[in-house]
């Protein structure tokens, strides 16, 4: 489950990486957060697709 705090942290790390750069620990954290976000997105998208009902 992706929370608002997680999205805010992803955005903060992205902004920092563009500005001053990230430490190794922050790069690892950013990668983990992005992976979790993508995993949750794919799960949600798959559920939406499975709930589609085709009617003729």
PDB file of N, CA and C in Angstrom:
ATOM      1  N   UNK A   1       0.847  -1.182   0.000  1.00  0.00           N
ATOM      2  CA  UNK A   1       0.000   0.000   0.000  1.00  0.00           C
ATOM      3  C   UNK A   1       0.887   1.238   0.000  1.00  0.00           C
ATOM      4  N   UNK A   2       0.619   2.108  -0.915  1.00  0.00           N
ATOM      5  CA  UNK A   2       1.383   3.346  -1.021  1.00  0.00           C
ATOM      6  C   UNK A   2       0.651   4.436  -0.243  1.00  0.00           C
ATOM      7  N   UNK A   3       1.387   5.087   0.636  1.00  0.00           N
ATOM      8  CA  UNK A   3       0.819   6.149   1.441  1.00  0.00           C
ATOM      9  C   UNK A   3       1.262   7.503   0.904  1.00  0.00           C
ATOM     10  N   UNK A   4       0.580   8.527   1.338  1.00  0.00           N
ATOM     11  CA  UNK A   4       0.927   9.896   0.945  1.00  0.00           C
ATOM     12  C   UNK A   4       2.357  10.225   1.368  1.00  0.00           C
ATOM     13  N   UNK A   5       2.755   9.742   2.538  1.00  0.00           N
ATOM     14  CA  UNK A   5       4.100  10.010   3.037  1.00  0.00           C
ATOM     15  C   UNK A   5       5.162   9.387   2.130  1.00  0.00           C
ATOM     16  N   UNK A   6       4.869   8.184   1.624  1.00  0.00           N
ATOM     17  CA  UNK A   6       5.813   7.520   0.729  1.00  0.00           C
ATOM     18  C   UNK A   6       5.957   8.295  -0.575  1.00  0.00           C
ATOM     19  N   UNK A   7       4.861   8.754  -1.115  1.00  0.00           N
ATOM     20  CA  UNK A   7       4.912   9.534  -2.352  1.00  0.00           C
ATOM     21  C   UNK A   7       5.656  10.848  -2.117  1.00  0.00           C
ATOM     22  N   UNK A   8       5.391  11.482  -0.982  1.00  0.00           N
ATOM     23  CA  UNK A   8       6.091  12.723  -0.653  1.00  0.00           C
ATOM     24  C   UNK A   8       7.596  12.484  -0.541  1.00  0.00           C
ATOM     25  N   UNK A   9       7.974  11.347   0.050  1.00  0.00           N
ATOM     26  CA  UNK A   9       9.398  11.028   0.200  1.00  0.00           C
ATOM     27  C   UNK A   9      10.041  10.751  -1.168  1.00  0.00           C
ATOM     28  N   UNK A  10       9.334  10.033  -2.034  1.00  0.00           N
ATOM     29  CA  UNK A  10       9.839   9.779  -3.386  1.00  0.00           C
ATOM     30  C   UNK A  10      10.079  11.108  -4.097  1.00  0.00           C
ATOM     31  N   UNK A  11       9.123  12.007  -4.000  1.00  0.00           N
ATOM     32  CA  UNK A  11       9.247  13.316  -4.651  1.00  0.00           C
ATOM     33  C   UNK A  11      10.387  14.139  -4.056  1.00  0.00           C
ATOM     34  N   UNK A  12      10.548  14.086  -2.732  1.00  0.00           N
ATOM     35  CA  UNK A  12      11.618  14.838  -2.078  1.00  0.00           C
ATOM     36  C   UNK A  12      12.987  14.314  -2.520  1.00  0.00           C
ATOM     37  N   UNK A  13      13.122  12.992  -2.585  1.00  0.00           N
ATOM     38  CA  UNK A  13      14.393  12.416  -3.018  1.00  0.00           C
ATOM     39  C   UNK A  13      14.682  12.743  -4.473  1.00  0.00           C
ATOM     40  N   UNK A  14      13.652  12.741  -5.299  1.00  0.00           N
ATOM     41  CA  UNK A  14      13.824  13.086  -6.707  1.00  0.00           C
ATOM     42  C   UNK A  14      14.294  14.533  -6.862  1.00  0.00           C
ATOM     43  N   UNK A  15      13.664  15.419  -6.128  1.00  0.00           N
ATOM     44  CA  UNK A  15      14.042  16.835  -6.190  1.00  0.00           C
ATOM     45  C   UNK A  15      15.472  17.030  -5.700  1.00  0.00           C
ATOM     46  N   UNK A  16      15.828  16.340  -4.626  1.00  0.00           N
ATOM     47  CA  UNK A  16      17.177  16.467  -4.072  1.00  0.00           C
ATOM     48  C   UNK A  16      18.219  15.915  -5.043  1.00  0.00           C
ATOM     49  N   UNK A  17      17.880  14.812  -5.725  1.00  0.00           N
ATOM     50  CA  UNK A  17      18.837  14.215  -6.658  1.00  0.00           C
ATOM     51  C   UNK A  17      19.128  15.155  -7.824  1.00  0.00           C
ATOM     52  N   UNK A  18      18.126  15.918  -8.233  1.00  0.00           N
ATOM     53  CA  UNK A  18      18.314  16.872  -9.328  1.00  0.00           C
ATOM     54  C   UNK A  18      19.114  18.093  -8.878  1.00  0.00           C
ATOM     55  N   UNK A  19      18.992  18.429  -7.606  1.00  0.00           N
ATOM     56  CA  UNK A  19      19.657  19.620  -7.093  1.00  0.00           C
ATOM     57  C   UNK A  19      21.068  19.352  -6.611  1.00  0.00           C
ATOM     58  N   UNK A  20      21.178  18.722  -5.474  1.00  0.00           N
ATOM     59  CA  UNK A  20      22.490  18.561  -4.843  1.00  0.00           C
ATOM     60  C   UNK A  20      23.033  17.146  -4.914  1.00  0.00           C
ATOM     61  N   UNK A  21      22.219  16.189  -5.314  1.00  0.00           N
ATOM     62  CA  UNK A  21      22.662  14.799  -5.371  1.00  0.00           C
ATOM     63  C   UNK A  21      22.280  14.037  -4.114  1.00  0.00           C
ATOM     64  N   UNK A  22      22.333  12.720  -4.220  1.00  0.00           N
ATOM     65  CA  UNK A  22      21.931  11.858  -3.115  1.00  0.00           C
ATOM     66  C   UNK A  22      23.125  11.100  -2.560  1.00  0.00           C
ATOM     67  N   UNK A  23      23.034  10.750  -1.281  1.00  0.00           N
ATOM     68  CA  UNK A  23      24.026   9.862  -0.689  1.00  0.00           C
ATOM     69  C   UNK A  23      23.692   8.435  -1.114  1.00  0.00           C
ATOM     70  N   UNK A  24      24.592   7.525  -0.858  1.00  0.00           N
ATOM     71  CA  UNK A  24      24.352   6.128  -1.226  1.00  0.00           C
ATOM     72  C   UNK A  24      23.126   5.571  -0.511  1.00  0.00           C
ATOM     73  N   UNK A  25      22.974   5.910   0.769  1.00  0.00           N
ATOM     74  CA  UNK A  25      21.808   5.439   1.529  1.00  0.00           C
ATOM     75  C   UNK A  25      20.510   5.988   0.938  1.00  0.00           C
ATOM     76  N   UNK A  26      20.531   7.232   0.523  1.00  0.00           N
ATOM     77  CA  UNK A  26      19.337   7.839  -0.068  1.00  0.00           C
ATOM     78  C   UNK A  26      19.028   7.214  -1.430  1.00  0.00           C
ATOM     79  N   UNK A  27      20.058   6.865  -2.181  1.00  0.00           N
ATOM     80  CA  UNK A  27      19.842   6.204  -3.469  1.00  0.00           C
ATOM     81  C   UNK A  27      19.180   4.850  -3.279  1.00  0.00           C
ATOM     82  N   UNK A  28      19.629   4.114  -2.265  1.00  0.00           N
ATOM     83  CA  UNK A  28      19.040   2.811  -1.952  1.00  0.00           C
ATOM     84  C   UNK A  28      17.589   2.983  -1.519  1.00  0.00           C
ATOM     85  N   UNK A  29      17.336   3.965  -0.650  1.00  0.00           N
ATOM     86  CA  UNK A  29      15.973   4.239  -0.190  1.00  0.00           C
ATOM     87  C   UNK A  29      15.075   4.621  -1.363  1.00  0.00           C
ATOM     88  N   UNK A  30      15.583   5.460  -2.263  1.00  0.00           N
ATOM     89  CA  UNK A  30      14.812   5.891  -3.422  1.00  0.00           C
ATOM     90  C   UNK A  30      14.463   4.690  -4.303  1.00  0.00           C
ATOM     91  N   UNK A  31      15.408   3.814  -4.517  1.00  0.00           N
ATOM     92  CA  UNK A  31      15.176   2.632  -5.351  1.00  0.00           C
ATOM     93  C   UNK A  31      14.107   1.735  -4.729  1.00  0.00           C
ATOM     94  N   UNK A  32      14.189   1.504  -3.412  1.00  0.00           N
ATOM     95  CA  UNK A  32      13.195   0.666  -2.725  1.00  0.00           C
ATOM     96  C   UNK A  32      11.803   1.280  -2.798  1.00  0.00           C
ATOM     97  N   UNK A  33      11.716   2.588  -2.566  1.00  0.00           N
ATOM     98  CA  UNK A  33      10.417   3.261  -2.616  1.00  0.00           C
ATOM     99  C   UNK A  33       9.811   3.190  -4.015  1.00  0.00           C
ATOM    100  N   UNK A  34      10.645   3.391  -5.029  1.00  0.00           N
ATOM    101  CA  UNK A  34      10.147   3.317  -6.404  1.00  0.00           C
ATOM    102  C   UNK A  34       9.668   1.912  -6.738  1.00  0.00           C
ATOM    103  N   UNK A  35      10.410   0.897  -6.289  1.00  0.00           N
ATOM    104  CA  UNK A  35      10.007  -0.490  -6.544  1.00  0.00           C
ATOM    105  C   UNK A  35       8.673  -0.801  -5.876  1.00  0.00           C
ATOM    106  N   UNK A  36       8.506  -0.344  -4.632  1.00  0.00           N
ATOM    107  CA  UNK A  36       7.240  -0.553  -3.928  1.00  0.00           C
ATOM    108  C   UNK A  36       6.093   0.141  -4.650  1.00  0.00           C
ATOM    109  N   UNK A  37       6.338   1.364  -5.118  1.00  0.00           N
ATOM    110  CA  UNK A  37       5.316   2.125  -5.821  1.00  0.00           C
ATOM    111  C   UNK A  37       4.899   1.404  -7.105  1.00  0.00           C
ATOM    112  N   UNK A  38       5.874   0.960  -7.872  1.00  0.00           N
ATOM    113  CA  UNK A  38       5.578   0.268  -9.133  1.00  0.00           C
ATOM    114  C   UNK A  38       4.840  -1.040  -8.861  1.00  0.00           C
ATOM    115  N   UNK A  39       5.248  -1.764  -7.831  1.00  0.00           N
ATOM    116  CA  UNK A  39       4.585  -3.023  -7.476  1.00  0.00           C
ATOM    117  C   UNK A  39       3.117  -2.770  -7.120  1.00  0.00           C
ATOM    118  N   UNK A  40       2.860  -1.748  -6.317  1.00  0.00           N
ATOM    119  CA  UNK A  40       1.487  -1.422  -5.919  1.00  0.00           C
ATOM    120  C   UNK A  40       0.671  -0.957  -7.121  1.00  0.00           C
ATOM    121  N   UNK A  41       1.291  -0.172  -8.003  1.00  0.00           N
ATOM    122  CA  UNK A  41       0.604   0.301  -9.194  1.00  0.00           C
ATOM    123  C   UNK A  41       0.190  -0.867 -10.085  1.00  0.00           C
ATOM    124  N   UNK A  42       1.115  -1.784 -10.310  1.00  0.00           N
ATOM    125  CA  UNK A  42       0.816  -2.941 -11.158  1.00  0.00           C
ATOM    126  C   UNK A  42      -0.291  -3.801 -10.559  1.00  0.00           C
ATOM    127  N   UNK A  43      -0.245  -3.990  -9.232  1.00  0.00           N
ATOM    128  CA  UNK A  43      -1.275  -4.781  -8.557  1.00  0.00           C
ATOM    129  C   UNK A  43      -2.645  -4.138  -8.723  1.00  0.00           C
ATOM    130  N   UNK A  44      -2.718  -2.836  -8.514  1.00  0.00           N
ATOM    131  CA  UNK A  44      -3.972  -2.104  -8.650  1.00  0.00           C
ATOM    132  C   UNK A  44      -4.476  -2.157 -10.090  1.00  0.00           C
ATOM    133  N   UNK A  45      -3.579  -1.972 -11.045  1.00  0.00           N
ATOM    134  CA  UNK A  45      -3.953  -1.985 -12.450  1.00  0.00           C
ATOM    135  C   UNK A  45      -4.473  -3.365 -12.861  1.00  0.00           C
ATOM    136  N   UNK A  46      -3.800  -4.413 -12.395  1.00  0.00           N
ATOM    137  CA  UNK A  46      -4.238  -5.776 -12.704  1.00  0.00           C
ATOM    138  C   UNK A  46      -5.639  -6.038 -12.143  1.00  0.00           C
ATOM    139  N   UNK A  47      -5.904  -5.571 -10.927  1.00  0.00           N
ATOM    140  CA  UNK A  47      -7.230  -5.739 -10.338  1.00  0.00           C
ATOM    141  C   UNK A  47      -8.285  -5.021 -11.169  1.00  0.00           C
ATOM    142  N   UNK A  48      -7.964  -3.847 -11.646  1.00  0.00           N
ATOM    143  CA  UNK A  48      -8.906  -3.113 -12.482  1.00  0.00           C
ATOM    144  C   UNK A  48      -9.195  -3.871 -13.769  1.00  0.00           C
ATOM    145  N   UNK A  49      -8.149  -4.423 -14.370  1.00  0.00           N
ATOM    146  CA  UNK A  49      -8.330  -5.180 -15.612  1.00  0.00           C
ATOM    147  C   UNK A  49      -9.153  -6.441 -15.382  1.00  0.00           C
ATOM    148  N   UNK A  50      -8.937  -7.098 -14.259  1.00  0.00           N
ATOM    149  CA  UNK A  50      -9.673  -8.325 -13.962  1.00  0.00           C
ATOM    150  C   UNK A  50     -11.145  -8.053 -13.679  1.00  0.00           C
ATOM    151  N   UNK A  51     -11.465  -6.843 -13.277  1.00  0.00           N
ATOM    152  CA  UNK A  51     -12.849  -6.494 -12.968  1.00  0.00           C
ATOM    153  C   UNK A  51     -13.619  -5.998 -14.189  1.00  0.00           C
ATOM    154  N   UNK A  52     -12.939  -5.888 -15.318  1.00  0.00           N
ATOM    155  CA  UNK A  52     -13.620  -5.446 -16.527  1.00  0.00           C
ATOM    156  C   UNK A  52     -14.476  -6.598 -17.054  1.00  0.00           C
ATOM    157  N   UNK A  53     -15.688  -6.261 -17.358  1.00  0.00           N
ATOM    158  CA  UNK A  53     -16.621  -7.259 -17.885  1.00  0.00           C
ATOM    159  C   UNK A  53     -17.054  -6.826 -19.280  1.00  0.00           C
ATOM    160  N   UNK A  54     -16.820  -7.679 -20.237  1.00  0.00           N
ATOM    161  CA  UNK A  54     -17.168  -7.368 -21.623  1.00  0.00           C
ATOM    162  C   UNK A  54     -18.605  -7.805 -21.875  1.00  0.00           C
ATOM    163  N   UNK A  55     -19.419  -6.871 -22.363  1.00  0.00           N
ATOM    164  CA  UNK A  55     -20.822  -7.148 -22.645  1.00  0.00           C
ATOM    165  C   UNK A  55     -21.074  -6.899 -24.118  1.00  0.00           C
ATOM    166  N   UNK A  56     -21.702  -7.875 -24.766  1.00  0.00           N
ATOM    167  CA  UNK A  56     -22.028  -7.717 -26.183  1.00  0.00           C
ATOM    168  C   UNK A  56     -23.382  -7.072 -26.350  1.00  0.00           C
TER     169      UNK A  56
END
